[in-house]
Amino acid sequence: VYNMTNSGRVKVNFKPDKLVYLQQTPTQESLMSAPAQKKTGKSI
């Protein structure tokens, strides 16, 4: 999904803001009441 043809120096990193985590076990009810892309609980 990223063009890797031709020579060069490549750097690949994960975008940390993309990671969504929950500190409580997700349930259908809790996911419906809180937006999908929100982190909850103590900051990590």
ModelCIF file with pLDDT and N, C-alpha, C, O atoms, coordinates in Angstrom:
data_MODEL
#
_entry.id   MODEL 
#
_entity.id                         1 
_entity.type                       polymer 
_entity.pdbx_number_of_molecules   1 
#
_entity_poly.entity_id                      1 
_entity_poly.type                           'polypeptide(L)' 
_entity_poly.nstd_linkage                   no 
_entity_poly.nstd_monomer                   no 
_entity_poly.pdbx_seq_one_letter_code       VYNMTNSGRVKVNFKPDKLVYLQQTPTQESLMSAPAQKKTGKSI 
_entity_poly.pdbx_seq_one_letter_code_can   VYNMTNSGRVKVNFKPDKLVYLQQTPTQESLMSAPAQKKTGKSI 
_entity_poly.pdbx_strand_id                 A 
#
loop_
_entity_poly_seq.entity_id 
_entity_poly_seq.num 
_entity_poly_seq.mon_id 
_entity_poly_seq.hetero 
1 1  VAL n 
1 2  TYR n 
1 3  ASN n 
1 4  MET n 
1 5  THR n 
1 6  ASN n 
1 7  SER n 
1 8  GLY n 
1 9  ARG n 
1 10 VAL n 
1 11 LYS n 
1 12 VAL n 
1 13 ASN n 
1 14 PHE n 
1 15 LYS n 
1 16 PRO n 
1 17 ASP n 
1 18 LYS n 
1 19 LEU n 
1 20 VAL n 
1 21 TYR n 
1 22 LEU n 
1 23 GLN n 
1 24 GLN n 
1 25 THR n 
1 26 PRO n 
1 27 THR n 
1 28 GLN n 
1 29 GLU n 
1 30 SER n 
1 31 LEU n 
1 32 MET n 
1 33 SER n 
1 34 ALA n 
1 35 PRO n 
1 36 ALA n 
1 37 GLN n 
1 38 LYS n 
1 39 LYS n 
1 40 THR n 
1 41 GLY n 
1 42 LYS n 
1 43 SER n 
1 44 ILE n 
#
_struct_asym.id          A 
_struct_asym.entity_id   1 
#
loop_
_ma_qa_metric.id 
_ma_qa_metric.mode 
_ma_qa_metric.name 
_ma_qa_metric.software_group_id 
_ma_qa_metric.type 
1 global pLDDT . pLDDT 
2 local  pLDDT . pLDDT 
#
_ma_qa_metric_global.metric_id      1 
_ma_qa_metric_global.metric_value   80.80 
_ma_qa_metric_global.model_id       1 
_ma_qa_metric_global.ordinal_id     1 
#
loop_
_ma_qa_metric_local.label_asym_id 
_ma_qa_metric_local.label_comp_id 
_ma_qa_metric_local.label_seq_id 
_ma_qa_metric_local.metric_id 
_ma_qa_metric_local.metric_value 
_ma_qa_metric_local.model_id 
_ma_qa_metric_local.ordinal_id 
A VAL 1  2 96.00 1 1  
A TYR 2  2 95.00 1 2  
A ASN 3  2 91.00 1 3  
A MET 4  2 90.00 1 4  
A THR 5  2 85.00 1 5  
A ASN 6  2 83.00 1 6  
A SER 7  2 88.00 1 7  
A GLY 8  2 91.00 1 8  
A ARG 9  2 95.00 1 9  
A VAL 10 2 95.00 1 10 
A LYS 11 2 97.00 1 11 
A VAL 12 2 97.00 1 12 
A ASN 13 2 97.00 1 13 
A PHE 14 2 97.00 1 14 
A LYS 15 2 96.00 1 15 
A PRO 16 2 94.00 1 16 
A ASP 17 2 91.00 1 17 
A LYS 18 2 92.00 1 18 
A LEU 19 2 93.00 1 19 
A VAL 20 2 91.00 1 20 
A TYR 21 2 91.00 1 21 
A LEU 22 2 90.00 1 22 
A GLN 23 2 86.00 1 23 
A GLN 24 2 87.00 1 24 
A THR 25 2 90.00 1 25 
A PRO 26 2 85.00 1 26 
A THR 27 2 83.00 1 27 
A GLN 28 2 82.00 1 28 
A GLU 29 2 81.00 1 29 
A SER 30 2 79.00 1 30 
A LEU 31 2 78.00 1 31 
A MET 32 2 73.00 1 32 
A SER 33 2 68.00 1 33 
A ALA 34 2 58.00 1 34 
A PRO 35 2 50.00 1 35 
A ALA 36 2 45.00 1 36 
A GLN 37 2 44.00 1 37 
A LYS 38 2 49.00 1 38 
A LYS 39 2 55.00 1 39 
A THR 40 2 53.00 1 40 
A GLY 41 2 52.00 1 41 
A LYS 42 2 58.00 1 42 
A SER 43 2 77.00 1 43 
A ILE 44 2 87.00 1 44 
#
loop_
_atom_site.group_PDB 
_atom_site.id 
_atom_site.type_symbol 
_atom_site.label_atom_id 
_atom_site.label_alt_id 
_atom_site.label_comp_id 
_atom_site.label_asym_id 
_atom_site.label_entity_id 
_atom_site.label_seq_id 
_atom_site.pdbx_PDB_ins_code 
_atom_site.Cartn_x 
_atom_site.Cartn_y 
_atom_site.Cartn_z 
_atom_site.occupancy 
_atom_site.B_iso_or_equiv 
_atom_site.pdbx_formal_charge 
_atom_site.auth_seq_id 
_atom_site.auth_comp_id 
_atom_site.auth_asym_id 
_atom_site.auth_atom_id 
_atom_site.pdbx_PDB_model_num 
ATOM 1   N N  . VAL A 1 1  ? 0.805   -1.232 0.000  1.00 96.00 ? 1  VAL A N  1 
ATOM 2   C CA . VAL A 1 1  ? 0.000   0.000  0.000  1.00 96.00 ? 1  VAL A CA 1 
ATOM 3   C C  . VAL A 1 1  ? 0.836   1.280  0.000  1.00 96.00 ? 1  VAL A C  1 
ATOM 4   O O  . VAL A 1 1  ? 0.277   2.374  -0.073 1.00 96.00 ? 1  VAL A O  1 
ATOM 5   N N  . TYR A 1 2  ? 2.160   1.165  0.080  1.00 95.00 ? 2  TYR A N  1 
ATOM 6   C CA . TYR A 1 2  ? 3.052   2.314  -0.042 1.00 95.00 ? 2  TYR A CA 1 
ATOM 7   C C  . TYR A 1 2  ? 4.093   1.959  -1.096 1.00 95.00 ? 2  TYR A C  1 
ATOM 8   O O  . TYR A 1 2  ? 4.700   0.890  -1.026 1.00 95.00 ? 2  TYR A O  1 
ATOM 9   N N  . ASN A 1 3  ? 4.305   2.823  -2.055 1.00 91.00 ? 3  ASN A N  1 
ATOM 10  C CA . ASN A 1 3  ? 5.177   2.502  -3.180 1.00 91.00 ? 3  ASN A CA 1 
ATOM 11  C C  . ASN A 1 3  ? 6.623   2.321  -2.729 1.00 91.00 ? 3  ASN A C  1 
ATOM 12  O O  . ASN A 1 3  ? 7.238   3.238  -2.182 1.00 91.00 ? 3  ASN A O  1 
ATOM 13  N N  . MET A 1 4  ? 7.147   1.139  -2.964 1.00 90.00 ? 4  MET A N  1 
ATOM 14  C CA . MET A 1 4  ? 8.503   0.798  -2.540 1.00 90.00 ? 4  MET A CA 1 
ATOM 15  C C  . MET A 1 4  ? 9.426   0.525  -3.720 1.00 90.00 ? 4  MET A C  1 
ATOM 16  O O  . MET A 1 4  ? 10.440  -0.155 -3.562 1.00 90.00 ? 4  MET A O  1 
ATOM 17  N N  . THR A 1 5  ? 9.095   1.041  -4.894 1.00 85.00 ? 5  THR A N  1 
ATOM 18  C CA . THR A 1 5  ? 9.984   0.881  -6.043 1.00 85.00 ? 5  THR A CA 1 
ATOM 19  C C  . THR A 1 5  ? 11.031  1.988  -6.031 1.00 85.00 ? 5  THR A C  1 
ATOM 20  O O  . THR A 1 5  ? 10.839  3.027  -5.400 1.00 85.00 ? 5  THR A O  1 
ATOM 21  N N  . ASN A 1 6  ? 12.114  1.764  -6.717 1.00 83.00 ? 6  ASN A N  1 
ATOM 22  C CA . ASN A 1 6  ? 13.243  2.689  -6.842 1.00 83.00 ? 6  ASN A CA 1 
ATOM 23  C C  . ASN A 1 6  ? 14.010  2.809  -5.523 1.00 83.00 ? 6  ASN A C  1 
ATOM 24  O O  . ASN A 1 6  ? 13.472  2.572  -4.441 1.00 83.00 ? 6  ASN A O  1 
ATOM 25  N N  . SER A 1 7  ? 15.271  3.182  -5.650 1.00 88.00 ? 7  SER A N  1 
ATOM 26  C CA . SER A 1 7  ? 16.167  3.187  -4.497 1.00 88.00 ? 7  SER A CA 1 
ATOM 27  C C  . SER A 1 7  ? 15.962  4.413  -3.617 1.00 88.00 ? 7  SER A C  1 
ATOM 28  O O  . SER A 1 7  ? 15.400  5.421  -4.043 1.00 88.00 ? 7  SER A O  1 
ATOM 29  N N  . GLY A 1 8  ? 16.433  4.300  -2.381 1.00 91.00 ? 8  GLY A N  1 
ATOM 30  C CA . GLY A 1 8  ? 16.341  5.423  -1.461 1.00 91.00 ? 8  GLY A CA 1 
ATOM 31  C C  . GLY A 1 8  ? 16.392  4.956  -0.017 1.00 91.00 ? 8  GLY A C  1 
ATOM 32  O O  . GLY A 1 8  ? 16.379  3.758  0.266  1.00 91.00 ? 8  GLY A O  1 
ATOM 33  N N  . ARG A 1 9  ? 16.449  5.917  0.886  1.00 95.00 ? 9  ARG A N  1 
ATOM 34  C CA . ARG A 1 9  ? 16.445  5.643  2.318  1.00 95.00 ? 9  ARG A CA 1 
ATOM 35  C C  . ARG A 1 9  ? 15.022  5.806  2.826  1.00 95.00 ? 9  ARG A C  1 
ATOM 36  O O  . ARG A 1 9  ? 14.432  6.877  2.685  1.00 95.00 ? 9  ARG A O  1 
ATOM 37  N N  . VAL A 1 10 ? 14.471  4.760  3.411  1.00 95.00 ? 10 VAL A N  1 
ATOM 38  C CA . VAL A 1 10 ? 13.063  4.737  3.794  1.00 95.00 ? 10 VAL A CA 1 
ATOM 39  C C  . VAL A 1 10 ? 12.912  4.725  5.314  1.00 95.00 ? 10 VAL A C  1 
ATOM 40  O O  . VAL A 1 10 ? 13.620  4.014  6.027  1.00 95.00 ? 10 VAL A O  1 
ATOM 41  N N  . LYS A 1 11 ? 11.978  5.527  5.777  1.00 97.00 ? 11 LYS A N  1 
ATOM 42  C CA . LYS A 1 11 ? 11.629  5.544  7.202  1.00 97.00 ? 11 LYS A CA 1 
ATOM 43  C C  . LYS A 1 11 ? 10.154  5.213  7.333  1.00 97.00 ? 11 LYS A C  1 
ATOM 44  O O  . LYS A 1 11 ? 9.320   5.825  6.665  1.00 97.00 ? 11 LYS A O  1 
ATOM 45  N N  . VAL A 1 12 ? 9.822   4.259  8.181  1.00 97.00 ? 12 VAL A N  1 
ATOM 46  C CA . VAL A 1 12 ? 8.445   3.822  8.395  1.00 97.00 ? 12 VAL A CA 1 
ATOM 47  C C  . VAL A 1 12 ? 8.135   3.881  9.880  1.00 97.00 ? 12 VAL A C  1 
ATOM 48  O O  . VAL A 1 12 ? 8.833   3.276  10.694 1.00 97.00 ? 12 VAL A O  1 
ATOM 49  N N  . ASN A 1 13 ? 7.086   4.611  10.227 1.00 97.00 ? 13 ASN A N  1 
ATOM 50  C CA . ASN A 1 13 ? 6.706   4.727  11.630 1.00 97.00 ? 13 ASN A CA 1 
ATOM 51  C C  . ASN A 1 13 ? 5.193   4.629  11.768 1.00 97.00 ? 13 ASN A C  1 
ATOM 52  O O  . ASN A 1 13 ? 4.460   4.997  10.850 1.00 97.00 ? 13 ASN A O  1 
ATOM 53  N N  . PHE A 1 14 ? 4.729   4.142  12.895 1.00 97.00 ? 14 PHE A N  1 
ATOM 54  C CA . PHE A 1 14 ? 3.302   4.105  13.185 1.00 97.00 ? 14 PHE A CA 1 
ATOM 55  C C  . PHE A 1 14 ? 2.845   5.494  13.637 1.00 97.00 ? 14 PHE A C  1 
ATOM 56  O O  . PHE A 1 14 ? 3.580   6.206  14.322 1.00 97.00 ? 14 PHE A O  1 
ATOM 57  N N  . LYS A 1 15 ? 1.631   5.868  13.248 1.00 96.00 ? 15 LYS A N  1 
ATOM 58  C CA . LYS A 1 15 ? 1.065   7.142  13.691 1.00 96.00 ? 15 LYS A CA 1 
ATOM 59  C C  . LYS A 1 15 ? 0.409   6.917  15.054 1.00 96.00 ? 15 LYS A C  1 
ATOM 60  O O  . LYS A 1 15 ? -0.661  6.311  15.120 1.00 96.00 ? 15 LYS A O  1 
ATOM 61  N N  . PRO A 1 16 ? 1.020   7.387  16.137 1.00 94.00 ? 16 PRO A N  1 
ATOM 62  C CA . PRO A 1 16 ? 0.526   7.056  17.478 1.00 94.00 ? 16 PRO A CA 1 
ATOM 63  C C  . PRO A 1 16 ? -0.887  7.531  17.763 1.00 94.00 ? 16 PRO A C  1 
ATOM 64  O O  . PRO A 1 16 ? -1.589  6.932  18.578 1.00 94.00 ? 16 PRO A O  1 
ATOM 65  N N  . ASP A 1 17 ? -1.318  8.611  17.094 1.00 91.00 ? 17 ASP A N  1 
ATOM 66  C CA . ASP A 1 17 ? -2.676  9.102  17.337 1.00 91.00 ? 17 ASP A CA 1 
ATOM 67  C C  . ASP A 1 17 ? -3.736  8.171  16.772 1.00 91.00 ? 17 ASP A C  1 
ATOM 68  O O  . ASP A 1 17 ? -4.923  8.342  17.051 1.00 91.00 ? 17 ASP A O  1 
ATOM 69  N N  . LYS A 1 18 ? -3.323  7.193  15.983 1.00 92.00 ? 18 LYS A N  1 
ATOM 70  C CA . LYS A 1 18 ? -4.273  6.240  15.409 1.00 92.00 ? 18 LYS A CA 1 
ATOM 71  C C  . LYS A 1 18 ? -4.663  5.132  16.393 1.00 92.00 ? 18 LYS A C  1 
ATOM 72  O O  . LYS A 1 18 ? -5.673  4.457  16.198 1.00 92.00 ? 18 LYS A O  1 
ATOM 73  N N  . LEU A 1 19 ? -3.871  4.947  17.439 1.00 93.00 ? 19 LEU A N  1 
ATOM 74  C CA . LEU A 1 19 ? -4.137  3.842  18.355 1.00 93.00 ? 19 LEU A CA 1 
ATOM 75  C C  . LEU A 1 19 ? -5.259  4.204  19.321 1.00 93.00 ? 19 LEU A C  1 
ATOM 76  O O  . LEU A 1 19 ? -5.195  5.216  20.019 1.00 93.00 ? 19 LEU A O  1 
ATOM 77  N N  . VAL A 1 20 ? -6.282  3.367  19.349 1.00 91.00 ? 20 VAL A N  1 
ATOM 78  C CA . VAL A 1 20 ? -7.412  3.538  20.272 1.00 91.00 ? 20 VAL A CA 1 
ATOM 79  C C  . VAL A 1 20 ? -7.359  2.398  21.282 1.00 91.00 ? 20 VAL A C  1 
ATOM 80  O O  . VAL A 1 20 ? -7.320  1.229  20.898 1.00 91.00 ? 20 VAL A O  1 
ATOM 81  N N  . TYR A 1 21 ? -7.357  2.730  22.561 1.00 91.00 ? 21 TYR A N  1 
ATOM 82  C CA . TYR A 1 21 ? -7.312  1.718  23.608 1.00 91.00 ? 21 TYR A CA 1 
ATOM 83  C C  . TYR A 1 21 ? -8.365  2.020  24.669 1.00 91.00 ? 21 TYR A C  1 
ATOM 84  O O  . TYR A 1 21 ? -8.749  3.173  24.865 1.00 91.00 ? 21 TYR A O  1 
ATOM 85  N N  . LEU A 1 22 ? -8.819  0.991  25.338 1.00 90.00 ? 22 LEU A N  1 
ATOM 86  C CA . LEU A 1 22 ? -9.753  1.110  26.452 1.00 90.00 ? 22 LEU A CA 1 
ATOM 87  C C  . LEU A 1 22 ? -9.154  0.377  27.641 1.00 90.00 ? 22 LEU A C  1 
ATOM 88  O O  . LEU A 1 22 ? -8.511  -0.661 27.482 1.00 90.00 ? 22 LEU A O  1 
ATOM 89  N N  . GLN A 1 23 ? -9.366  0.915  28.820 1.00 86.00 ? 23 GLN A N  1 
ATOM 90  C CA . GLN A 1 23 ? -8.870  0.242  30.014 1.00 86.00 ? 23 GLN A CA 1 
ATOM 91  C C  . GLN A 1 23 ? -9.953  -0.592 30.690 1.00 86.00 ? 23 GLN A C  1 
ATOM 92  O O  . GLN A 1 23 ? -9.688  -1.337 31.634 1.00 86.00 ? 23 GLN A O  1 
ATOM 93  N N  . GLN A 1 24 ? -11.174 -0.452 30.189 1.00 87.00 ? 24 GLN A N  1 
ATOM 94  C CA . GLN A 1 24 ? -12.278 -1.278 30.659 1.00 87.00 ? 24 GLN A CA 1 
ATOM 95  C C  . GLN A 1 24 ? -12.709 -2.202 29.531 1.00 87.00 ? 24 GLN A C  1 
ATOM 96  O O  . GLN A 1 24 ? -12.579 -1.852 28.358 1.00 87.00 ? 24 GLN A O  1 
ATOM 97  N N  . THR A 1 25 ? -13.212 -3.362 29.871 1.00 90.00 ? 25 THR A N  1 
ATOM 98  C CA . THR A 1 25 ? -13.660 -4.307 28.846 1.00 90.00 ? 25 THR A CA 1 
ATOM 99  C C  . THR A 1 25 ? -14.773 -3.688 28.010 1.00 90.00 ? 25 THR A C  1 
ATOM 100 O O  . THR A 1 25 ? -15.794 -3.283 28.567 1.00 90.00 ? 25 THR A O  1 
ATOM 101 N N  . PRO A 1 26 ? -14.609 -3.602 26.692 1.00 85.00 ? 26 PRO A N  1 
ATOM 102 C CA . PRO A 1 26 ? -15.652 -2.993 25.862 1.00 85.00 ? 26 PRO A CA 1 
ATOM 103 C C  . PRO A 1 26 ? -16.888 -3.882 25.765 1.00 85.00 ? 26 PRO A C  1 
ATOM 104 O O  . PRO A 1 26 ? -16.783 -5.099 25.612 1.00 85.00 ? 26 PRO A O  1 
ATOM 105 N N  . THR A 1 27 ? -18.033 -3.269 25.855 1.00 83.00 ? 27 THR A N  1 
ATOM 106 C CA . THR A 1 27 ? -19.306 -3.947 25.627 1.00 83.00 ? 27 THR A CA 1 
ATOM 107 C C  . THR A 1 27 ? -20.036 -3.204 24.527 1.00 83.00 ? 27 THR A C  1 
ATOM 108 O O  . THR A 1 27 ? -19.689 -2.069 24.204 1.00 83.00 ? 27 THR A O  1 
ATOM 109 N N  . GLN A 1 28 ? -21.035 -3.830 23.955 1.00 82.00 ? 28 GLN A N  1 
ATOM 110 C CA . GLN A 1 28 ? -21.790 -3.164 22.898 1.00 82.00 ? 28 GLN A CA 1 
ATOM 111 C C  . GLN A 1 28 ? -22.422 -1.888 23.420 1.00 82.00 ? 28 GLN A C  1 
ATOM 112 O O  . GLN A 1 28 ? -22.479 -0.880 22.716 1.00 82.00 ? 28 GLN A O  1 
ATOM 113 N N  . GLU A 1 29 ? -22.905 -1.935 24.683 1.00 81.00 ? 29 GLU A N  1 
ATOM 114 C CA . GLU A 1 29 ? -23.551 -0.764 25.277 1.00 81.00 ? 29 GLU A CA 1 
ATOM 115 C C  . GLU A 1 29 ? -22.556 0.376  25.483 1.00 81.00 ? 29 GLU A C  1 
ATOM 116 O O  . GLU A 1 29 ? -22.862 1.527  25.173 1.00 81.00 ? 29 GLU A O  1 
ATOM 117 N N  . SER A 1 30 ? -21.365 0.065  26.006 1.00 79.00 ? 30 SER A N  1 
ATOM 118 C CA . SER A 1 30 ? -20.385 1.121  26.262 1.00 79.00 ? 30 SER A CA 1 
ATOM 119 C C  . SER A 1 30 ? -19.869 1.728  24.965 1.00 79.00 ? 30 SER A C  1 
ATOM 120 O O  . SER A 1 30 ? -19.592 2.926  24.903 1.00 79.00 ? 30 SER A O  1 
ATOM 121 N N  . LEU A 1 31 ? -19.740 0.911  23.938 1.00 78.00 ? 31 LEU A N  1 
ATOM 122 C CA . LEU A 1 31 ? -19.257 1.433  22.659 1.00 78.00 ? 31 LEU A CA 1 
ATOM 123 C C  . LEU A 1 31 ? -20.309 2.295  21.980 1.00 78.00 ? 31 LEU A C  1 
ATOM 124 O O  . LEU A 1 31 ? -19.972 3.227  21.251 1.00 78.00 ? 31 LEU A O  1 
ATOM 125 N N  . MET A 1 32 ? -21.567 1.995  22.212 1.00 73.00 ? 32 MET A N  1 
ATOM 126 C CA . MET A 1 32 ? -22.637 2.810  21.642 1.00 73.00 ? 32 MET A CA 1 
ATOM 127 C C  . MET A 1 32 ? -22.735 4.162  22.342 1.00 73.00 ? 32 MET A C  1 
ATOM 128 O O  . MET A 1 32 ? -23.085 5.166  21.721 1.00 73.00 ? 32 MET A O  1 
ATOM 129 N N  . SER A 1 33 ? -22.424 4.181  23.644 1.00 68.00 ? 33 SER A N  1 
ATOM 130 C CA . SER A 1 33 ? -22.561 5.424  24.406 1.00 68.00 ? 33 SER A CA 1 
ATOM 131 C C  . SER A 1 33 ? -21.344 6.329  24.288 1.00 68.00 ? 33 SER A C  1 
ATOM 132 O O  . SER A 1 33 ? -21.449 7.530  24.534 1.00 68.00 ? 33 SER A O  1 
ATOM 133 N N  . ALA A 1 34 ? -20.191 5.778  23.918 1.00 58.00 ? 34 ALA A N  1 
ATOM 134 C CA . ALA A 1 34 ? -18.969 6.574  23.764 1.00 58.00 ? 34 ALA A CA 1 
ATOM 135 C C  . ALA A 1 34 ? -18.511 6.494  22.316 1.00 58.00 ? 34 ALA A C  1 
ATOM 136 O O  . ALA A 1 34 ? -18.538 5.413  21.727 1.00 58.00 ? 34 ALA A O  1 
ATOM 137 N N  . PRO A 1 35 ? -18.090 7.614  21.723 1.00 50.00 ? 35 PRO A N  1 
ATOM 138 C CA . PRO A 1 35 ? -17.616 7.608  20.342 1.00 50.00 ? 35 PRO A CA 1 
ATOM 139 C C  . PRO A 1 35 ? -16.507 6.588  20.131 1.00 50.00 ? 35 PRO A C  1 
ATOM 140 O O  . PRO A 1 35 ? -15.696 6.332  21.021 1.00 50.00 ? 35 PRO A O  1 
ATOM 141 N N  . ALA A 1 36 ? -16.491 6.024  18.959 1.00 45.00 ? 36 ALA A N  1 
ATOM 142 C CA . ALA A 1 36 ? -15.573 4.918  18.664 1.00 45.00 ? 36 ALA A CA 1 
ATOM 143 C C  . ALA A 1 36 ? -14.113 5.293  18.798 1.00 45.00 ? 36 ALA A C  1 
ATOM 144 O O  . ALA A 1 36 ? -13.304 4.477  19.240 1.00 45.00 ? 36 ALA A O  1 
ATOM 145 N N  . GLN A 1 37 ? -13.766 6.497  18.429 1.00 44.00 ? 37 GLN A N  1 
ATOM 146 C CA . GLN A 1 37 ? -12.357 6.842  18.331 1.00 44.00 ? 37 GLN A CA 1 
ATOM 147 C C  . GLN A 1 37 ? -11.808 7.490  19.600 1.00 44.00 ? 37 GLN A C  1 
ATOM 148 O O  . GLN A 1 37 ? -10.773 8.155  19.557 1.00 44.00 ? 37 GLN A O  1 
ATOM 149 N N  . LYS A 1 38 ? -12.501 7.299  20.740 1.00 49.00 ? 38 LYS A N  1 
ATOM 150 C CA . LYS A 1 38 ? -12.047 7.939  21.978 1.00 49.00 ? 38 LYS A CA 1 
ATOM 151 C C  . LYS A 1 38 ? -11.244 6.979  22.852 1.00 49.00 ? 38 LYS A C  1 
ATOM 152 O O  . LYS A 1 38 ? -11.574 5.798  22.964 1.00 49.00 ? 38 LYS A O  1 
ATOM 153 N N  . LYS A 1 39 ? -10.192 7.501  23.464 1.00 55.00 ? 39 LYS A N  1 
ATOM 154 C CA . LYS A 1 39 ? -9.456  6.751  24.480 1.00 55.00 ? 39 LYS A CA 1 
ATOM 155 C C  . LYS A 1 39 ? -10.114 7.055  25.824 1.00 55.00 ? 39 LYS A C  1 
ATOM 156 O O  . LYS A 1 39 ? -10.501 8.197  26.071 1.00 55.00 ? 39 LYS A O  1 
ATOM 157 N N  . THR A 1 40 ? -10.244 6.077  26.676 1.00 53.00 ? 40 THR A N  1 
ATOM 158 C CA . THR A 1 40 ? -10.886 6.313  27.960 1.00 53.00 ? 40 THR A CA 1 
ATOM 159 C C  . THR A 1 40 ? -10.003 5.840  29.090 1.00 53.00 ? 40 THR A C  1 
ATOM 160 O O  . THR A 1 40 ? -9.116  5.008  28.897 1.00 53.00 ? 40 THR A O  1 
ATOM 161 N N  . GLY A 1 41 ? -10.249 6.373  30.265 1.00 52.00 ? 41 GLY A N  1 
ATOM 162 C CA . GLY A 1 41 ? -9.496  5.961  31.435 1.00 52.00 ? 41 GLY A CA 1 
ATOM 163 C C  . GLY A 1 41 ? -8.233  6.789  31.605 1.00 52.00 ? 41 GLY A C  1 
ATOM 164 O O  . GLY A 1 41 ? -8.071  7.833  30.974 1.00 52.00 ? 41 GLY A O  1 
ATOM 165 N N  . LYS A 1 42 ? -7.338  6.309  32.467 1.00 58.00 ? 42 LYS A N  1 
ATOM 166 C CA . LYS A 1 42 ? -6.090  7.003  32.761 1.00 58.00 ? 42 LYS A CA 1 
ATOM 167 C C  . LYS A 1 42 ? -5.244  7.145  31.498 1.00 58.00 ? 42 LYS A C  1 
ATOM 168 O O  . LYS A 1 42 ? -5.178  6.234  30.673 1.00 58.00 ? 42 LYS A O  1 
ATOM 169 N N  . SER A 1 43 ? -4.608  8.288  31.364 1.00 77.00 ? 43 SER A N  1 
ATOM 170 C CA . SER A 1 43 ? -3.822  8.562  30.169 1.00 77.00 ? 43 SER A CA 1 
ATOM 171 C C  . SER A 1 43 ? -2.639  7.610  30.057 1.00 77.00 ? 43 SER A C  1 
ATOM 172 O O  . SER A 1 43 ? -1.913  7.370  31.022 1.00 77.00 ? 43 SER A O  1 
ATOM 173 N N  . ILE A 1 44 ? -2.469  7.083  28.867 1.00 87.00 ? 44 ILE A N  1 
ATOM 174 C CA . ILE A 1 44 ? -1.353  6.205  28.563 1.00 87.00 ? 44 ILE A CA 1 
ATOM 175 C C  . ILE A 1 44 ? -0.620  6.795  27.358 1.00 87.00 ? 44 ILE A C  1 
ATOM 176 O O  . ILE A 1 44 ? 0.373   6.229  26.902 1.00 87.00 ? 44 ILE A O  1 
#
